[in-house]
Structures are given as structure tokens and as C-alpha cells.
C-alpha atoms as a PDB file:
ATOM      1  CA  ARG A   1     169.473 -13.940 119.356  1.00  0.00           C
ATOM      2  CA  GLU A   2     171.602 -11.234 116.983  1.00  0.00           C
ATOM      3  CA  GLU A   3     169.238 -13.011 114.205  1.00  0.00           C
ATOM      4  CA  SER A   4     166.327 -12.984 115.747  1.00  0.00           C
ATOM      5  CA  ASN A   5     166.464  -8.955 116.938  1.00  0.00           C
ATOM      6  CA  ALA A   6     167.530  -7.918 113.408  1.00  0.00           C
ATOM      7  CA  ASN A   7     164.217  -9.974 112.105  1.00  0.00           C
ATOM      8  CA  ILE A   8     161.908  -8.137 114.655  1.00  0.00           C
ATOM      9  CA  GLN A   9     163.357  -4.761 113.844  1.00  0.00           C
ATOM     10  CA  SER A  10     163.333  -5.287 110.373  1.00  0.00           C
ATOM     11  CA  GLU A  11     160.040  -3.742 108.258  1.00  0.00           C
ATOM     12  CA  GLU A  12     158.626  -6.721 107.925  1.00  0.00           C
ATOM     13  CA  GLY A  13     159.129  -7.819 111.724  1.00  0.00           C
ATOM     14  CA  ILE A  14     157.748  -4.044 112.895  1.00  0.00           C
ATOM     15  CA  LEU A  15     154.649  -4.344 110.763  1.00  0.00           C
ATOM     16  CA  LYS A  16     153.643  -8.013 111.728  1.00  0.00           C
ATOM     17  CA  ARG A  17     153.986  -6.874 115.246  1.00  0.00           C
ATOM     18  CA  GLN A  18     151.528  -3.848 114.512  1.00  0.00           C
ATOM     19  CA  THR A  19     149.337  -6.272 112.621  1.00  0.00           C
ATOM     20  CA  ARG A  20     149.419  -9.111 115.778  1.00  0.00           C
ATOM     21  CA  SER A  21     148.610  -6.518 118.841  1.00  0.00           C
ATOM     22  CA  ILE A  22     145.798  -4.661 116.905  1.00  0.00           C
ATOM     23  CA  GLN A  23     143.544  -8.290 116.035  1.00  0.00           C
ATOM     24  CA  THR A  24     144.300  -9.168 119.739  1.00  0.00           C
ATOM     25  CA  GLU A  25     143.223  -5.833 121.436  1.00  0.00           C
ATOM     26  CA  GLY A  26     140.240  -5.685 118.901  1.00  0.00           C
ATOM     27  CA  HIS A  27     138.996  -9.376 119.948  1.00  0.00           C
ATOM     28  CA  PHE A  28     138.840  -8.630 123.627  1.00  0.00           C
ATOM     29  CA  GLY A  29     137.599  -5.375 123.198  1.00  0.00           C
ATOM     30  CA  ASP A  30     134.986  -6.273 120.887  1.00  0.00           C
ATOM     31  CA  ILE A  31     133.770  -9.085 123.483  1.00  0.00           C
ATOM     32  CA  LYS A  32     133.628  -7.215 126.243  1.00  0.00           C
ATOM     33  CA  GLU A  33     132.104  -3.883 125.129  1.00  0.00           C
ATOM     34  CA  ASN A  34     129.526  -5.150 122.200  1.00  0.00           C
ATOM     35  CA  GLU A  35     128.871  -8.928 123.691  1.00  0.00           C
ATOM     36  CA  LYS A  36     128.806  -7.923 127.189  1.00  0.00           C
ATOM     37  CA  PHE A  37     130.849 -10.591 128.435  1.00  0.00           C
ATOM     38  CA  ARG A  38     132.579  -9.108 131.416  1.00  0.00           C
ATOM     39  CA  ARG A  39     132.785 -12.176 133.820  1.00  0.00           C
ATOM     40  CA  PHE A  40     132.817 -16.030 133.507  1.00  0.00           C
ATOM     41  CA  ASN A  41     130.043 -17.854 135.650  1.00  0.00           C
ATOM     42  CA  TYR A  42     132.333 -20.441 137.150  1.00  0.00           C
ATOM     43  CA  ARG A  43     135.485 -20.605 139.231  1.00  0.00           C
ATOM     44  CA  SER A  44     137.961 -23.136 138.410  1.00  0.00           C
ATOM     45  CA  ALA A  45     140.249 -22.703 135.733  1.00  0.00           C
ATOM     46  CA  GLU A  46     139.203 -25.670 133.450  1.00  0.00           C
ATOM     47  CA  LYS A  47     135.634 -24.747 133.787  1.00  0.00           C
ATOM     48  CA  VAL A  48     136.654 -20.990 132.450  1.00  0.00           C
ATOM     49  CA  TYR A  49     138.371 -22.531 129.907  1.00  0.00           C
ATOM     50  CA  LYS A  50     135.212 -24.686 128.740  1.00  0.00           C
ATOM     51  CA  GLU A  51     133.414 -21.901 128.888  1.00  0.00           C
ATOM     52  CA  PHE A  52     135.613 -19.411 126.842  1.00  0.00           C
ATOM     53  CA  MET A  53     135.928 -21.884 124.409  1.00  0.00           C
ATOM     54  CA  LEU A  54     132.282 -22.517 123.939  1.00  0.00           C
ATOM     55  CA  TYR A  55     131.917 -18.758 123.665  1.00  0.00           C
ATOM     56  CA  ALA A  56     134.704 -18.527 121.350  1.00  0.00           C
ATOM     57  CA  ILE A  57     133.104 -21.422 119.210  1.00  0.00           C
ATOM     58  CA  GLY A  58     129.921 -19.366 118.930  1.00  0.00           C
ATOM     59  CA  ARG A  59     131.496 -16.469 118.008  1.00  0.00           C
ATOM     60  CA  ASN A  60     133.394 -18.176 115.073  1.00  0.00           C
ATOM     61  CA  ILE A  61     130.003 -19.746 114.112  1.00  0.00           C
ATOM     62  CA  LEU A  62     128.640 -16.584 113.925  1.00  0.00           C
ATOM     63  CA  LYS A  63     131.340 -15.076 112.336  1.00  0.00           C
ATOM     64  CA  TYR A  64     130.970 -17.940 109.322  1.00  0.00           C
ATOM     65  CA  HIS A  65     127.350 -17.410 109.091  1.00  0.00           C
ATOM     66  CA  ARG A  66     128.024 -13.524 108.525  1.00  0.00           C
ATOM     67  CA  PHE A  67     130.947 -14.526 105.904  1.00  0.00           C
ATOM     68  CA  LEU A  68     128.818 -16.422 104.042  1.00  0.00           C
ATOM     69  CA  HIS A  69     126.055 -14.152 104.009  1.00  0.00           C
ATOM     70  CA  HIS A  70     128.472 -11.332 102.860  1.00  0.00           C
ATOM     71  CA  GLU A  71     128.091  -9.237 105.635  1.00  0.00           C
ATOM     72  CA  ILE A  72     131.826  -9.467 106.276  1.00  0.00           C
ATOM     73  CA  GLU A  73     134.969  -9.625 103.611  1.00  0.00           C
ATOM     74  CA  LYS A  74     137.467 -12.237 104.043  1.00  0.00           C
ATOM     75  CA  TYR A  75     140.781 -10.255 105.473  1.00  0.00           C
ATOM     76  CA  GLU A  76     143.333 -10.117 103.321  1.00  0.00           C
ATOM     77  CA  GLY A  77     146.071  -8.766 105.844  1.00  0.00           C
ATOM     78  CA  LYS A  78     147.759  -4.987 105.722  1.00  0.00           C
ATOM     79  CA  LYS A  79     148.383  -4.356 102.209  1.00  0.00           C
ATOM     80  CA  GLU A  80     151.172  -1.365 102.672  1.00  0.00           C
ATOM     81  CA  ARG A  81     154.269  -2.255 103.332  1.00  0.00           C
ATOM     82  CA  LYS A  82     155.552   0.754 105.122  1.00  0.00           C
ATOM     83  CA  ALA A  83     156.100   0.231 108.968  1.00  0.00           C
ATOM     84  CA  ALA A  84     154.961   3.256 111.330  1.00  0.00           C
END
């Protein structure tokens, strides 16, 4: 547990946590605001899961298409090593 806490509190651990939280929030915010995806059409957990997976696959295909046509660039991660 002490080793785990040391890893989390290290400069690299802080940087990874910042990056992870930014990436996740960005995707869900983009889905809600830009794509206007506010609610699911189905109620059961299995159907909601399938609906979201179809949505995610379509979104990834669109992202790959934009990447191939040089509308977006490959994300290489944060370059700066200094944590906030």
C-alpha cells in the first residue's frame, strides 16, 4: 500500500491522473454537447450497453476517417513533465 501511494503521489503519477481525468471528461462532454446524445432509447442494461457500443464504434470510425484525411493529428500525450 505504501508503494502504491508513493507511485500515485509521484510526479509521474500526478501527471497520469491529470491526463486520464481530462481525456474521460472531454469524451463525455463532447458526446453530450456536440453530438446531442442525451438519453438512451432502451431501458434494459443489456440494450443500453449495445446501443452505447454501436454509438462508440460509429464515433471511432468517424474519428479514424478524420485522421486519414488529416483533419486531426495523432495525440502523443503531454510533453511537459512538470505536474501542476
